[in-house]
Amino acid sequence: MEELDAAFARIWLLDPGDLCAGRYKAADCTNRDRCLHLEASAGLCTNINGEYRKIPLGALKIGKIAQGFGSIYTNDVLGDDRLTNKQ
């Protein structure tokens, strides 16, 4: 991660939807056929089994990025209102 000058990086894959009722942001899911599955995480956050392990398309920043709304960059994690989980 030091080579990229990043705090962490994650990889989600678009896979079949499952466990919809128990996942984070399930109420935001508009398509129960597929969702984003967290497959890898490196840097300050390496947990792939937390609340962000399955994200509906369109939910949160990652769900919007997956729908084609573009990537998100920040140099001010604590001051960026787009980021809810500051830890």
C-alpha atoms as a PDB file:
ATOM      1  CA  MET A   1       0.000   0.000   0.000  1.00  0.00           C
ATOM      2  CA  GLU A   2       2.927   2.346   0.583  1.00  0.00           C
ATOM      3  CA  GLU A   3       3.711   2.314  -3.135  1.00  0.00           C
ATOM      4  CA  LEU A   4       0.216   3.646  -3.823  1.00  0.00           C
ATOM      5  CA  ASP A   5       0.247   6.155  -0.948  1.00  0.00           C
ATOM      6  CA  ALA A   6      -3.126   4.771   0.154  1.00  0.00           C
ATOM      7  CA  ALA A   7      -4.590   3.822   3.538  1.00  0.00           C
ATOM      8  CA  PHE A   8      -6.289   0.726   2.150  1.00  0.00           C
ATOM      9  CA  ALA A   9      -7.646  -0.835  -1.013  1.00  0.00           C
ATOM     10  CA  ARG A  10     -10.469  -3.295  -1.547  1.00  0.00           C
ATOM     11  CA  ILE A  11     -11.721  -5.541  -4.310  1.00  0.00           C
ATOM     12  CA  TRP A  12     -15.405  -6.400  -4.697  1.00  0.00           C
ATOM     13  CA  LEU A  13     -16.806  -8.761  -7.320  1.00  0.00           C
ATOM     14  CA  LEU A  14     -20.315  -8.703  -8.707  1.00  0.00           C
ATOM     15  CA  ASP A  15     -21.786 -12.083  -7.770  1.00  0.00           C
ATOM     16  CA  PRO A  16     -25.214 -13.630  -7.171  1.00  0.00           C
ATOM     17  CA  GLY A  17     -27.209 -12.049  -4.366  1.00  0.00           C
ATOM     18  CA  ASP A  18     -27.515 -14.093  -1.209  1.00  0.00           C
ATOM     19  CA  LEU A  19     -28.008 -13.521   2.503  1.00  0.00           C
ATOM     20  CA  CYS A  20     -30.000 -10.403   1.629  1.00  0.00           C
ATOM     21  CA  ALA A  21     -32.049 -10.254   4.813  1.00  0.00           C
ATOM     22  CA  GLY A  22     -29.030 -10.274   7.111  1.00  0.00           C
ATOM     23  CA  ARG A  23     -26.611  -8.021   5.312  1.00  0.00           C
ATOM     24  CA  TYR A  24     -25.717  -4.381   5.827  1.00  0.00           C
ATOM     25  CA  LYS A  25     -27.907  -1.976   3.807  1.00  0.00           C
ATOM     26  CA  ALA A  26     -30.285  -4.787   2.770  1.00  0.00           C
ATOM     27  CA  ALA A  27     -33.162  -2.304   2.713  1.00  0.00           C
ATOM     28  CA  ASP A  28     -31.344  -0.391  -0.065  1.00  0.00           C
ATOM     29  CA  CYS A  29     -31.165  -3.442  -2.319  1.00  0.00           C
ATOM     30  CA  THR A  30     -33.222  -3.033  -5.493  1.00  0.00           C
ATOM     31  CA  ASN A  31     -31.919  -6.163  -7.248  1.00  0.00           C
ATOM     32  CA  ARG A  32     -31.693  -9.321  -5.141  1.00  0.00           C
ATOM     33  CA  ASP A  33     -30.207 -11.255  -8.082  1.00  0.00           C
ATOM     34  CA  ARG A  34     -26.704  -9.841  -7.637  1.00  0.00           C
ATOM     35  CA  CYS A  35     -24.628  -7.767  -5.255  1.00  0.00           C
ATOM     36  CA  LEU A  36     -21.039  -6.801  -4.558  1.00  0.00           C
ATOM     37  CA  HIS A  37     -19.022  -9.355  -2.596  1.00  0.00           C
ATOM     38  CA  LEU A  38     -15.862  -8.163  -0.836  1.00  0.00           C
ATOM     39  CA  GLU A  39     -13.085 -10.530  -1.925  1.00  0.00           C
ATOM     40  CA  ALA A  40      -9.889  -8.779  -0.777  1.00  0.00           C
ATOM     41  CA  SER A  41      -8.803  -5.923   1.459  1.00  0.00           C
ATOM     42  CA  ALA A  42      -5.274  -4.653   2.090  1.00  0.00           C
ATOM     43  CA  GLY A  43      -3.692  -1.895   4.145  1.00  0.00           C
ATOM     44  CA  LEU A  44      -5.202  -0.517   7.359  1.00  0.00           C
ATOM     45  CA  CYS A  45      -8.340  -2.635   6.983  1.00  0.00           C
ATOM     46  CA  THR A  46      -7.959  -6.304   6.069  1.00  0.00           C
ATOM     47  CA  ASN A  47     -11.264  -7.703   7.379  1.00  0.00           C
ATOM     48  CA  ILE A  48     -13.404  -9.145   4.557  1.00  0.00           C
ATOM     49  CA  ASN A  49     -16.113 -10.593   6.827  1.00  0.00           C
ATOM     50  CA  GLY A  50     -17.467  -7.381   8.349  1.00  0.00           C
ATOM     51  CA  GLU A  51     -20.587  -5.376   7.584  1.00  0.00           C
ATOM     52  CA  TYR A  52     -19.260  -4.356   4.154  1.00  0.00           C
ATOM     53  CA  ARG A  53     -18.753  -7.922   2.883  1.00  0.00           C
ATOM     54  CA  LYS A  54     -21.893  -7.751   0.714  1.00  0.00           C
ATOM     55  CA  ILE A  55     -23.149  -4.429  -0.639  1.00  0.00           C
ATOM     56  CA  PRO A  56     -26.210  -3.877  -2.840  1.00  0.00           C
ATOM     57  CA  LEU A  57     -25.635  -2.142  -6.175  1.00  0.00           C
ATOM     58  CA  GLY A  58     -26.312   1.560  -5.725  1.00  0.00           C
ATOM     59  CA  ALA A  59     -25.827   1.486  -1.934  1.00  0.00           C
ATOM     60  CA  LEU A  60     -23.015   3.479  -0.336  1.00  0.00           C
ATOM     61  CA  LYS A  61     -20.120   4.802  -2.377  1.00  0.00           C
ATOM     62  CA  ILE A  62     -18.928   1.396  -3.608  1.00  0.00           C
ATOM     63  CA  GLY A  63     -22.372   0.460  -4.888  1.00  0.00           C
ATOM     64  CA  LYS A  64     -22.566   3.742  -6.819  1.00  0.00           C
ATOM     65  CA  ILE A  65     -19.063   3.252  -8.247  1.00  0.00           C
ATOM     66  CA  ALA A  66     -20.095  -0.221  -9.452  1.00  0.00           C
ATOM     67  CA  GLN A  67     -23.057   1.339 -11.256  1.00  0.00           C
ATOM     68  CA  GLY A  68     -20.740   3.625 -13.206  1.00  0.00           C
ATOM     69  CA  PHE A  69     -20.777   6.821 -11.157  1.00  0.00           C
ATOM     70  CA  GLY A  70     -16.966   6.989 -11.115  1.00  0.00           C
ATOM     71  CA  SER A  71     -14.308   6.462  -8.499  1.00  0.00           C
ATOM     72  CA  ILE A  72     -13.888   8.442  -5.293  1.00  0.00           C
ATOM     73  CA  TYR A  73     -10.619   9.881  -4.009  1.00  0.00           C
ATOM     74  CA  THR A  74      -9.919  11.805  -0.831  1.00  0.00           C
ATOM     75  CA  ASN A  75      -6.912  13.139   1.026  1.00  0.00           C
ATOM     76  CA  ASP A  76      -9.022  14.082   4.052  1.00  0.00           C
ATOM     77  CA  VAL A  77     -10.755  10.987   5.450  1.00  0.00           C
ATOM     78  CA  LEU A  78     -11.804  12.686   8.677  1.00  0.00           C
ATOM     79  CA  GLY A  79     -13.200  15.761   6.933  1.00  0.00           C
ATOM     80  CA  ASP A  80     -14.837  14.032   3.942  1.00  0.00           C
ATOM     81  CA  ASP A  81     -18.626  13.880   4.483  1.00  0.00           C
ATOM     82  CA  ARG A  82     -18.942  11.110   1.878  1.00  0.00           C
ATOM     83  CA  LEU A  83     -17.189   8.698   4.247  1.00  0.00           C
ATOM     84  CA  THR A  84     -19.306   7.540   7.163  1.00  0.00           C
ATOM     85  CA  ASN A  85     -16.938   5.011   8.772  1.00  0.00           C
ATOM     86  CA  LYS A  86     -13.990   7.169   9.867  1.00  0.00           C
ATOM     87  CA  GLN A  87     -12.200   4.373  11.766  1.00  0.00           C
END
